[in-house]
Structures are given as structure tokens and as C-alpha cells.
Amino acid sequence: METQMILNHKEAIEFLVESSDGVGFNRYTFLNLHALLSNNLLPNPAASGKLRTFGVGITNSVFTPLGIPQLIEESFDLILEKVSQIENPFEQAFLY
């Protein structure tokens, strides 16, 4: 599993370097990074590169992540919209 994670990070870095013109706080970048980083690590391989469509829990935590697909989609789009309004990349990274 650790080897797969290292290989996935290598692929993600290569994607960022090779696609530097199109990389940004956008759906394309995030979903592609998710696909690369989660490759061969998820119980359902079809979930790589996609927003979650089901509820999840976090062990030993009282926090419950969003579980309704429409809310997940709306929240994702809202975050992307807010971050795209910030021009300084350091402020973008700090915000989220």
C-alpha cells in the first residue's frame, strides 16, 4: 500500500508539472489529482477521480462529513468559486 501511495504521488507531481498551464483551483485539477492519488487504493476503483456519492464516518470523531451527493457537489463548487476569487496563490492555499 505504501509503495502504491508513493507511485501515486509521483504520478500526481508529474501531472502538475506537465499540465502547469491548465492547473488551478478548478474541477479538472482536483478530480484528476484525486484519480491519481487514489489509484488502486479505494475499495471501489470506480470512485477514483469522482466526488463522493455516499455518506462516510470518521472513526473516533464526532464530525460527520456531508453525505448527500447534491450537497457535496454544491459545497465543492462553492469552495472552487470562493478560491477562484483570490488572486494570491499563497492566500488560496492558506484559506483551505
Protein backbone atom coordinates (compact mmCIF):
# COMPACT_ATOMS: atom_id res chain seq x y z
CA MET A 1 0.00 0.00 0.00
CA GLU A 2 2.84 2.40 0.84
CA THR A 3 4.52 1.66 -2.49
CA GLN A 4 1.27 2.43 -4.30
CA MET A 5 0.94 5.72 -2.42
CA ILE A 6 4.48 6.73 -3.37
CA LEU A 7 3.86 5.85 -7.03
CA ASN A 8 0.57 7.76 -6.96
CA HIS A 9 2.29 10.85 -5.57
CA LYS A 10 4.92 10.59 -8.30
CA GLU A 11 2.17 10.50 -10.93
CA ALA A 12 0.38 13.45 -9.33
CA ILE A 13 3.57 15.54 -9.29
CA GLU A 14 4.23 14.68 -12.94
CA PHE A 15 0.66 15.71 -13.79
CA LEU A 16 1.13 19.07 -12.06
CA VAL A 17 4.46 19.71 -13.79
CA GLU A 18 3.35 18.59 -17.26
CA SER A 19 -0.03 20.37 -17.07
CA SER A 20 1.18 23.54 -15.39
CA ASP A 21 -0.71 25.79 -17.83
CA GLY A 22 -4.07 24.21 -17.02
CA VAL A 23 -3.52 23.55 -13.32
CA GLY A 24 -5.50 25.69 -10.92
CA PHE A 25 -8.24 25.65 -8.34
CA ASN A 26 -10.70 24.04 -10.73
CA ARG A 27 -12.70 20.84 -11.09
CA TYR A 28 -10.32 19.43 -13.73
CA THR A 29 -7.27 19.73 -11.48
CA PHE A 30 -8.87 18.42 -8.29
CA LEU A 31 -10.63 15.44 -9.83
CA ASN A 32 -7.54 14.43 -11.80
CA LEU A 33 -5.38 14.72 -8.68
CA HIS A 34 -7.92 12.63 -6.78
CA ALA A 35 -7.84 9.97 -9.51
CA LEU A 36 -4.05 9.86 -9.49
CA LEU A 37 -3.64 9.86 -5.71
CA SER A 38 -6.35 7.27 -5.06
CA ASN A 39 -5.38 4.90 -7.89
CA ASN A 40 -5.53 1.28 -6.62
CA LEU A 41 -6.23 2.44 -3.05
CA LEU A 42 -10.03 2.69 -2.86
CA PRO A 43 -12.34 -0.27 -2.20
CA ASN A 44 -14.33 0.80 -5.27
CA PRO A 45 -11.91 1.65 -8.11
CA ALA A 46 -14.71 3.46 -9.98
CA ALA A 47 -14.73 6.12 -7.23
CA SER A 48 -11.29 7.46 -8.21
CA GLY A 49 -11.49 10.94 -9.69
CA LYS A 50 -15.10 11.50 -8.67
CA LEU A 51 -16.87 13.32 -5.87
CA ARG A 52 -18.21 11.06 -3.15
CA THR A 53 -21.84 9.99 -3.61
CA PHE A 54 -22.43 8.32 -0.23
CA GLY A 55 -22.09 9.05 3.45
CA VAL A 56 -18.95 8.20 5.41
CA GLY A 57 -17.91 8.25 9.03
CA ILE A 58 -14.62 9.10 10.68
CA THR A 59 -13.58 6.68 13.40
CA ASN A 60 -13.16 8.24 16.85
CA SER A 61 -14.61 11.56 15.71
CA VAL A 62 -17.90 13.34 16.32
CA PHE A 63 -17.58 15.10 12.95
CA THR A 64 -19.86 13.75 10.24
CA PRO A 65 -18.91 14.73 6.67
CA LEU A 66 -21.64 15.65 4.21
CA GLY A 67 -23.42 12.56 2.94
CA ILE A 68 -25.93 13.91 0.42
CA PRO A 69 -24.46 13.90 -3.10
CA GLN A 70 -26.16 17.17 -4.10
CA LEU A 71 -24.76 18.96 -1.03
CA ILE A 72 -21.29 17.55 -1.66
CA GLU A 73 -21.44 18.81 -5.26
CA GLU A 74 -22.76 22.24 -4.24
CA SER A 75 -20.16 22.64 -1.49
CA PHE A 76 -17.34 21.62 -3.82
CA ASP A 77 -18.46 24.16 -6.43
CA LEU A 78 -18.84 26.86 -3.77
CA ILE A 79 -15.30 26.30 -2.48
CA LEU A 80 -13.90 26.43 -6.01
CA GLU A 81 -15.81 29.65 -6.67
CA LYS A 82 -14.56 31.31 -3.48
CA VAL A 83 -10.95 30.29 -4.03
CA SER A 84 -11.00 31.45 -7.65
CA GLN A 85 -11.79 34.97 -6.42
CA ILE A 86 -8.48 35.06 -4.52
CA GLU A 87 -5.59 36.03 -6.78
CA ASN A 88 -2.64 35.37 -4.49
CA PRO A 89 -1.79 31.61 -4.56
CA PHE A 90 -0.43 31.70 -1.01
CA GLU A 91 -3.73 33.12 0.23
CA GLN A 92 -5.60 30.47 -1.77
CA ALA A 93 -3.61 27.71 -0.10
CA PHE A 94 -3.98 29.27 3.35
CA LEU A 95 -7.74 29.63 3.00
CA TYR A 96 -8.26 25.92 2.53
